[in-house]
Amino acid sequence: MTYYRRKILLALIQRFGGTLGATVLQKYLFLMTRLQKDKAYDFVPYKFGCYSFQANYDLGALEKKGFLKIVRNKNCTNYIIDPKTDCLSLIKRDDVGAINEIYNQYAQLNAQELIRKTYLKYPFFAINSTIIDSTLTQDEKIKVLSQKRSFSEKCLFTIGYEGISLESYMVKLILNGISVLCDVRKNSYSQKFGFSRKQLSDACEGLGITYIHIPELGIVSDERQDLQ
């Protein structure tokens, strides 16, 4: 049918009645993955709190394959599946249990209450929120912003992306106070999601990090093969 993690997305939408808005879906998915030993998705602190680039991409892929509909309007984006579709039967028992637990704990909350509760419980993921002023009190906002690390000296770091997700990669940049990412690959294309130039630069921009590609510092493919 499709990747297992995408079945989790469908099952989550089904459990909440067949329709979920983009922001609340990201929040429910984030909370659900906190209950997983091996998390289906990783997250970054984004404009409205916890956000998974991979999940957003997967939702688009599911629409293309006809598994759901995406309805966009001026104020929100909704993901819709046929409520009669039995997606919960496609995932593991532990993951069904995790989804049910999130439903029982949070389904009664409206979107604003859900966002607020998530910010307070996981403050690091709210550090880049553009709606923090309208969501938290001043004292609560201070608690969230205290999660940001500050560095008194300028430093140069190197980082690779093998074996980690785009979200984990970006969190490492944030935790180390990186303000500029210099991509020194000769060819800034990758078959791995998130690490081609456009995807990576867009992710950086959304997190307040400047992306610069310097192909002159890269190694051509033939020479790189000889180094392995």
C-alpha atoms as a PDB file:
ATOM      1  CA  MET A   1       0.000   0.000   0.000  1.00  0.00           C
ATOM      2  CA  THR A   2       2.449   2.676   1.191  1.00  0.00           C
ATOM      3  CA  TYR A   3       5.176   3.352   3.763  1.00  0.00           C
ATOM      4  CA  TYR A   4       4.252   2.308   7.284  1.00  0.00           C
ATOM      5  CA  ARG A   5       4.699   5.822   8.670  1.00  0.00           C
ATOM      6  CA  ARG A   6       2.107   7.065   6.158  1.00  0.00           C
ATOM      7  CA  LYS A   7      -0.370   4.506   7.448  1.00  0.00           C
ATOM      8  CA  ILE A   8       0.045   6.118  10.861  1.00  0.00           C
ATOM      9  CA  LEU A   9      -0.978   9.465   9.369  1.00  0.00           C
ATOM     10  CA  LEU A  10      -4.106   7.927   7.862  1.00  0.00           C
ATOM     11  CA  ALA A  11      -4.945   6.087  11.076  1.00  0.00           C
ATOM     12  CA  LEU A  12      -4.556   9.276  13.102  1.00  0.00           C
ATOM     13  CA  ILE A  13      -6.905  11.198  10.804  1.00  0.00           C
ATOM     14  CA  GLN A  14      -9.405   8.327  10.949  1.00  0.00           C
ATOM     15  CA  ARG A  15      -9.376   8.227  14.757  1.00  0.00           C
ATOM     16  CA  PHE A  16     -10.204  11.925  14.920  1.00  0.00           C
ATOM     17  CA  GLY A  17     -13.228  11.555  12.664  1.00  0.00           C
ATOM     18  CA  GLY A  18     -11.755  11.651   9.173  1.00  0.00           C
ATOM     19  CA  THR A  19     -10.816  15.346   9.026  1.00  0.00           C
ATOM     20  CA  LEU A  20      -7.938  17.220  10.657  1.00  0.00           C
ATOM     21  CA  GLY A  21      -6.516  20.683  10.139  1.00  0.00           C
ATOM     22  CA  ALA A  22      -2.813  20.981   9.375  1.00  0.00           C
ATOM     23  CA  THR A  23      -1.743  22.518  12.688  1.00  0.00           C
ATOM     24  CA  VAL A  24      -3.677  20.183  14.963  1.00  0.00           C
ATOM     25  CA  LEU A  25      -2.593  17.168  12.895  1.00  0.00           C
ATOM     26  CA  GLN A  26       1.045  18.094  13.447  1.00  0.00           C
ATOM     27  CA  LYS A  27       0.382  18.476  17.175  1.00  0.00           C
ATOM     28  CA  TYR A  28      -1.454  15.153  17.513  1.00  0.00           C
ATOM     29  CA  LEU A  29       1.247  13.390  15.507  1.00  0.00           C
ATOM     30  CA  PHE A  30       3.986  14.940  17.641  1.00  0.00           C
ATOM     31  CA  LEU A  31       2.262  13.904  20.875  1.00  0.00           C
ATOM     32  CA  MET A  32       1.618  10.426  19.517  1.00  0.00           C
ATOM     33  CA  THR A  33       5.285   9.932  18.583  1.00  0.00           C
ATOM     34  CA  ARG A  34       6.318  10.864  22.134  1.00  0.00           C
ATOM     35  CA  LEU A  35       4.737   7.533  23.069  1.00  0.00           C
ATOM     36  CA  GLN A  36       6.665   5.532  20.467  1.00  0.00           C
ATOM     37  CA  LYS A  37       9.957   3.794  21.196  1.00  0.00           C
ATOM     38  CA  ASP A  38      11.003   4.188  17.564  1.00  0.00           C
ATOM     39  CA  LYS A  39       9.427   7.435  16.463  1.00  0.00           C
ATOM     40  CA  ALA A  40       7.729   7.435  13.071  1.00  0.00           C
ATOM     41  CA  TYR A  41       8.556  11.124  12.586  1.00  0.00           C
ATOM     42  CA  ASP A  42      11.021  13.659  13.939  1.00  0.00           C
ATOM     43  CA  PHE A  43      10.132  17.311  14.548  1.00  0.00           C
ATOM     44  CA  VAL A  44      11.623  20.791  14.599  1.00  0.00           C
ATOM     45  CA  PRO A  45      10.584  23.950  16.484  1.00  0.00           C
ATOM     46  CA  TYR A  46       8.796  25.780  13.683  1.00  0.00           C
ATOM     47  CA  LYS A  47       6.463  28.729  13.078  1.00  0.00           C
ATOM     48  CA  PHE A  48       3.503  27.215  14.940  1.00  0.00           C
ATOM     49  CA  GLY A  49       5.486  24.883  17.202  1.00  0.00           C
ATOM     50  CA  CYS A  50       6.407  21.246  16.580  1.00  0.00           C
ATOM     51  CA  TYR A  51       6.522  20.447  12.871  1.00  0.00           C
ATOM     52  CA  SER A  52       7.627  17.535  10.694  1.00  0.00           C
ATOM     53  CA  PHE A  53       8.769  18.320   7.155  1.00  0.00           C
ATOM     54  CA  GLN A  54       8.625  14.600   6.360  1.00  0.00           C
ATOM     55  CA  ALA A  55       5.021  14.281   7.537  1.00  0.00           C
ATOM     56  CA  ASN A  56       3.998  17.282   5.461  1.00  0.00           C
ATOM     57  CA  TYR A  57       5.643  15.730   2.402  1.00  0.00           C
ATOM     58  CA  ASP A  58       4.004  12.368   3.103  1.00  0.00           C
ATOM     59  CA  LEU A  59       0.568  13.961   3.305  1.00  0.00           C
ATOM     60  CA  GLY A  60       1.092  15.413  -0.158  1.00  0.00           C
ATOM     61  CA  ALA A  61       2.207  12.023  -1.435  1.00  0.00           C
ATOM     62  CA  LEU A  62      -0.893  10.384   0.051  1.00  0.00           C
ATOM     63  CA  GLU A  63      -3.080  12.894  -1.770  1.00  0.00           C
ATOM     64  CA  LYS A  64      -1.367  12.113  -5.068  1.00  0.00           C
ATOM     65  CA  LYS A  65      -1.992   8.410  -4.484  1.00  0.00           C
ATOM     66  CA  GLY A  66      -5.663   9.054  -3.739  1.00  0.00           C
ATOM     67  CA  PHE A  67      -5.622   8.066  -0.061  1.00  0.00           C
ATOM     68  CA  LEU A  68      -6.799  11.465   1.183  1.00  0.00           C
ATOM     69  CA  LYS A  69      -7.943  14.881   0.029  1.00  0.00           C
ATOM     70  CA  ILE A  70      -6.286  18.168   0.907  1.00  0.00           C
ATOM     71  CA  VAL A  71      -8.655  21.123   1.059  1.00  0.00           C
ATOM     72  CA  ARG A  72      -6.941  24.496   1.264  1.00  0.00           C
ATOM     73  CA  ASN A  73      -8.563  27.829   1.974  1.00  0.00           C
ATOM     74  CA  LYS A  74      -7.366  31.231   3.114  1.00  0.00           C
ATOM     75  CA  ASN A  75      -7.177  30.404   6.800  1.00  0.00           C
ATOM     76  CA  CYS A  76      -6.379  26.704   7.012  1.00  0.00           C
ATOM     77  CA  THR A  77      -5.566  23.418   5.310  1.00  0.00           C
ATOM     78  CA  ASN A  78      -7.630  20.318   6.046  1.00  0.00           C
ATOM     79  CA  TYR A  79      -6.739  16.668   5.454  1.00  0.00           C
ATOM     80  CA  ILE A  80      -9.756  14.474   4.774  1.00  0.00           C
ATOM     81  CA  ILE A  81     -10.229  10.731   4.404  1.00  0.00           C
ATOM     82  CA  ASP A  82     -13.351   8.636   4.087  1.00  0.00           C
ATOM     83  CA  PRO A  83     -14.331   8.051   7.752  1.00  0.00           C
ATOM     84  CA  LYS A  84     -15.428   4.531   6.825  1.00  0.00           C
ATOM     85  CA  THR A  85     -11.878   3.634   5.773  1.00  0.00           C
ATOM     86  CA  ASP A  86     -10.328   1.281   8.328  1.00  0.00           C
ATOM     87  CA  CYS A  87      -6.773   2.566   8.565  1.00  0.00           C
ATOM     88  CA  LEU A  88      -6.295   1.674  12.228  1.00  0.00           C
ATOM     89  CA  SER A  89      -6.242  -2.010  11.311  1.00  0.00           C
ATOM     90  CA  LEU A  90      -3.162  -1.358   9.157  1.00  0.00           C
ATOM     91  CA  ILE A  91      -0.873  -0.335  12.013  1.00  0.00           C
ATOM     92  CA  LYS A  92       0.668  -2.090  15.007  1.00  0.00           C
ATOM     93  CA  ARG A  93      -1.266  -2.601  18.217  1.00  0.00           C
ATOM     94  CA  ASP A  94       1.097  -0.380  20.214  1.00  0.00           C
ATOM     95  CA  ASP A  95       0.627   2.456  17.726  1.00  0.00           C
ATOM     96  CA  VAL A  96      -3.153   2.058  17.842  1.00  0.00           C
ATOM     97  CA  GLY A  97      -2.867   2.318  21.612  1.00  0.00           C
ATOM     98  CA  ALA A  98      -0.763   5.469  21.332  1.00  0.00           C
ATOM     99  CA  ILE A  99      -3.269   7.093  18.980  1.00  0.00           C
ATOM    100  CA  ASN A 100      -6.144   6.156  21.295  1.00  0.00           C
ATOM    101  CA  GLU A 101      -4.294   7.624  24.264  1.00  0.00           C
ATOM    102  CA  ILE A 102      -3.773  10.927  22.437  1.00  0.00           C
ATOM    103  CA  TYR A 103      -7.414  10.948  21.418  1.00  0.00           C
ATOM    104  CA  ASN A 104      -8.589  10.362  24.982  1.00  0.00           C
ATOM    105  CA  GLN A 105      -6.302  13.071  26.389  1.00  0.00           C
ATOM    106  CA  TYR A 106      -6.629  15.824  23.793  1.00  0.00           C
ATOM    107  CA  ALA A 107      -9.673  15.361  21.542  1.00  0.00           C
ATOM    108  CA  GLN A 108     -11.823  17.569  23.779  1.00  0.00           C
ATOM    109  CA  LEU A 109      -9.452  20.542  23.382  1.00  0.00           C
ATOM    110  CA  ASN A 110      -9.919  23.180  20.703  1.00  0.00           C
ATOM    111  CA  ALA A 111      -6.976  24.120  18.483  1.00  0.00           C
ATOM    112  CA  GLN A 112      -5.822  27.016  20.675  1.00  0.00           C
ATOM    113  CA  GLU A 113      -5.957  24.897  23.829  1.00  0.00           C
ATOM    114  CA  LEU A 114      -4.063  22.063  22.109  1.00  0.00           C
ATOM    115  CA  ILE A 115      -1.314  24.392  20.924  1.00  0.00           C
ATOM    116  CA  ARG A 116      -0.992  25.975  24.348  1.00  0.00           C
ATOM    117  CA  LYS A 117      -0.812  22.628  26.127  1.00  0.00           C
ATOM    118  CA  THR A 118       1.841  21.381  23.697  1.00  0.00           C
ATOM    119  CA  TYR A 119       3.925  24.545  24.124  1.00  0.00           C
ATOM    120  CA  LEU A 120       3.863  24.237  27.897  1.00  0.00           C
ATOM    121  CA  LYS A 121       4.660  20.531  27.949  1.00  0.00           C
ATOM    122  CA  TYR A 122       7.399  20.696  25.306  1.00  0.00           C
ATOM    123  CA  PRO A 123       8.717  24.287  25.450  1.00  0.00           C
ATOM    124  CA  PHE A 124      11.756  23.727  23.217  1.00  0.00           C
ATOM    125  CA  PHE A 125       9.484  23.123  20.241  1.00  0.00           C
ATOM    126  CA  ALA A 126       7.835  26.527  20.754  1.00  0.00           C
ATOM    127  CA  ILE A 127      11.004  28.660  20.632  1.00  0.00           C
ATOM    128  CA  ASN A 128      10.388  29.769  17.028  1.00  0.00           C
ATOM    129  CA  SER A 129       6.625  30.151  17.274  1.00  0.00           C
ATOM    130  CA  THR A 130       5.160  33.228  15.596  1.00  0.00           C
ATOM    131  CA  ILE A 131       1.999  32.980  17.692  1.00  0.00           C
ATOM    132  CA  ILE A 132       3.621  32.674  21.108  1.00  0.00           C
ATOM    133  CA  ASP A 133       2.457  36.124  22.234  1.00  0.00           C
ATOM    134  CA  SER A 134      -1.188  35.243  21.664  1.00  0.00           C
ATOM    135  CA  THR A 135      -0.825  31.746  23.121  1.00  0.00           C
ATOM    136  CA  LEU A 136       1.136  32.100  26.365  1.00  0.00           C
ATOM    137  CA  THR A 137       1.362  34.494  29.278  1.00  0.00           C
ATOM    138  CA  GLN A 138       4.506  36.582  29.658  1.00  0.00           C
ATOM    139  CA  ASP A 139       5.901  34.250  32.343  1.00  0.00           C
ATOM    140  CA  GLU A 140       5.166  31.208  30.199  1.00  0.00           C
ATOM    141  CA  LYS A 141       6.796  32.876  27.204  1.00  0.00           C
ATOM    142  CA  ILE A 142       9.942  33.539  29.238  1.00  0.00           C
ATOM    143  CA  LYS A 143      10.057  29.865  30.186  1.00  0.00           C
ATOM    144  CA  VAL A 144       9.841  28.851  26.524  1.00  0.00           C
ATOM    145  CA  LEU A 145      12.439  31.331  25.304  1.00  0.00           C
ATOM    146  CA  SER A 146      14.832  30.194  28.031  1.00  0.00           C
ATOM    147  CA  GLN A 147      15.144  26.982  26.007  1.00  0.00           C
ATOM    148  CA  LYS A 148      17.162  28.892  23.423  1.00  0.00           C
ATOM    149  CA  ARG A 149      20.900  28.493  23.843  1.00  0.00           C
ATOM    150  CA  SER A 150      23.173  31.512  23.497  1.00  0.00           C
ATOM    151  CA  PHE A 151      26.853  31.558  22.574  1.00  0.00           C
ATOM    152  CA  SER A 152      29.267  34.363  23.380  1.00  0.00           C
ATOM    153  CA  GLU A 153      31.895  33.383  20.806  1.00  0.00           C
ATOM    154  CA  LYS A 154      31.657  32.685  17.104  1.00  0.00           C
ATOM    155  CA  CYS A 155      32.436  29.069  16.226  1.00  0.00           C
ATOM    156  CA  LEU A 156      32.798  26.979  13.096  1.00  0.00           C
ATOM    157  CA  PHE A 157      31.196  23.522  13.096  1.00  0.00           C
ATOM    158  CA  THR A 158      31.138  20.728  10.555  1.00  0.00           C
ATOM    159  CA  ILE A 159      28.203  18.346  10.173  1.00  0.00           C
ATOM    160  CA  GLY A 160      27.131  15.510   7.900  1.00  0.00           C
ATOM    161  CA  TYR A 161      23.655  14.125   7.370  1.00  0.00           C
ATOM    162  CA  GLU A 162      24.148  10.389   6.946  1.00  0.00           C
ATOM    163  CA  GLY A 163      21.850   8.354   9.166  1.00  0.00           C
ATOM    164  CA  ILE A 164      19.671  11.210  10.442  1.00  0.00           C
ATOM    165  CA  SER A 165      16.452  12.874   9.330  1.00  0.00           C
ATOM    166  CA  LEU A 166      16.168  16.445   8.112  1.00  0.00           C
ATOM    167  CA  GLU A 167      14.422  17.357  11.361  1.00  0.00           C
ATOM    168  CA  SER A 168      17.171  15.852  13.551  1.00  0.00           C
ATOM    169  CA  TYR A 169      19.765  17.628  11.421  1.00  0.00           C
ATOM    170  CA  MET A 170      18.038  20.988  11.843  1.00  0.00           C
ATOM    171  CA  VAL A 171      17.628  20.495  15.598  1.00  0.00           C
ATOM    172  CA  LYS A 172      21.390  19.941  15.861  1.00  0.00           C
ATOM    173  CA  LEU A 173      21.954  23.254  14.109  1.00  0.00           C
ATOM    174  CA  ILE A 174      19.530  25.029  16.444  1.00  0.00           C
ATOM    175  CA  LEU A 175      21.026  23.506  19.593  1.00  0.00           C
ATOM    176  CA  ASN A 176      24.482  24.690  18.559  1.00  0.00           C
ATOM    177  CA  GLY A 177      23.365  28.206  17.716  1.00  0.00           C
ATOM    178  CA  ILE A 178      24.095  27.931  14.004  1.00  0.00           C
ATOM    179  CA  SER A 179      23.039  31.043  12.072  1.00  0.00           C
ATOM    180  CA  VAL A 180      24.619  30.216   8.695  1.00  0.00           C
ATOM    181  CA  LEU A 181      24.785  26.809   6.988  1.00  0.00           C
ATOM    182  CA  CYS A 182      27.391  26.530   4.231  1.00  0.00           C
ATOM    183  CA  ASP A 183      26.673  23.642   1.879  1.00  0.00           C
ATOM    184  CA  VAL A 184      30.042  22.588   0.430  1.00  0.00           C
ATOM    185  CA  ARG A 185      28.803  19.758  -1.778  1.00  0.00           C
ATOM    186  CA  LYS A 186      29.806  20.020  -5.420  1.00  0.00           C
ATOM    187  CA  ASN A 187      26.323  18.883  -6.398  1.00  0.00           C
ATOM    188  CA  SER A 188      23.670  19.853  -3.849  1.00  0.00           C
ATOM    189  CA  TYR A 189      21.314  17.030  -4.827  1.00  0.00           C
ATOM    190  CA  SER A 190      20.441  14.115  -2.593  1.00  0.00           C
ATOM    191  CA  GLN A 191      18.062  11.184  -2.961  1.00  0.00           C
ATOM    192  CA  LYS A 192      17.488  11.449   0.781  1.00  0.00           C
ATOM    193  CA  PHE A 193      14.432  13.530   1.654  1.00  0.00           C
ATOM    194  CA  GLY A 194      15.224  17.066   2.750  1.00  0.00           C
ATOM    195  CA  PHE A 195      18.836  17.307   1.686  1.00  0.00           C
ATOM    196  CA  SER A 196      18.601  18.591  -1.861  1.00  0.00           C
ATOM    197  CA  ARG A 197      19.336  22.291  -2.169  1.00  0.00           C
ATOM    198  CA  LYS A 198      15.760  23.598  -2.398  1.00  0.00           C
ATOM    199  CA  GLN A 199      14.419  21.480   0.460  1.00  0.00           C
ATOM    200  CA  LEU A 200      17.385  22.249   2.701  1.00  0.00           C
ATOM    201  CA  SER A 201      17.399  25.973   1.969  1.00  0.00           C
ATOM    202  CA  ASP A 202      13.631  26.198   2.574  1.00  0.00           C
ATOM    203  CA  ALA A 203      13.986  24.385   5.908  1.00  0.00           C
ATOM    204  CA  CYS A 204      16.804  26.721   6.954  1.00  0.00           C
ATOM    205  CA  GLU A 205      14.843  29.801   5.965  1.00  0.00           C
ATOM    206  CA  GLY A 206      11.850  28.681   7.992  1.00  0.00           C
ATOM    207  CA  LEU A 207      14.072  28.307  11.057  1.00  0.00           C
ATOM    208  CA  GLY A 208      15.957  31.576  10.705  1.00  0.00           C
ATOM    209  CA  ILE A 209      19.165  30.026   9.400  1.00  0.00           C
ATOM    210  CA  THR A 210      20.912  31.427   6.326  1.00  0.00           C
ATOM    211  CA  TYR A 211      21.728  28.806   3.681  1.00  0.00           C
ATOM    212  CA  ILE A 212      24.705  29.299   1.356  1.00  0.00           C
ATOM    213  CA  HIS A 213      25.859  26.860  -1.321  1.00  0.00           C
ATOM    214  CA  ILE A 214      29.585  26.964  -2.096  1.00  0.00           C
ATOM    215  CA  PRO A 215      30.130  24.283  -4.784  1.00  0.00           C
ATOM    216  CA  GLU A 216      33.731  25.414  -5.325  1.00  0.00           C
ATOM    217  CA  LEU A 217      34.640  23.692  -2.055  1.00  0.00           C
ATOM    218  CA  GLY A 218      33.055  20.405  -3.109  1.00  0.00           C
ATOM    219  CA  ILE A 219      34.652  17.296  -4.557  1.00  0.00           C
ATOM    220  CA  VAL A 220      33.588  15.938  -7.928  1.00  0.00           C
ATOM    221  CA  SER A 221      31.913  12.525  -7.890  1.00  0.00           C
ATOM    222  CA  ASP A 222      34.785  10.552  -9.441  1.00  0.00           C
ATOM    223  CA  GLU A 223      37.319  11.849  -6.922  1.00  0.00           C
ATOM    224  CA  ARG A 224      34.910  11.342  -4.038  1.00  0.00           C
ATOM    225  CA  GLN A 225      34.519   7.657  -4.944  1.00  0.00           C
ATOM    226  CA  ASP A 226      38.297   7.225  -4.713  1.00  0.00           C
ATOM    227  CA  LEU A 227      38.258   8.589  -1.153  1.00  0.00           C
ATOM    228  CA  GLN A 228      35.874   5.912   0.148  1.00  0.00           C
END
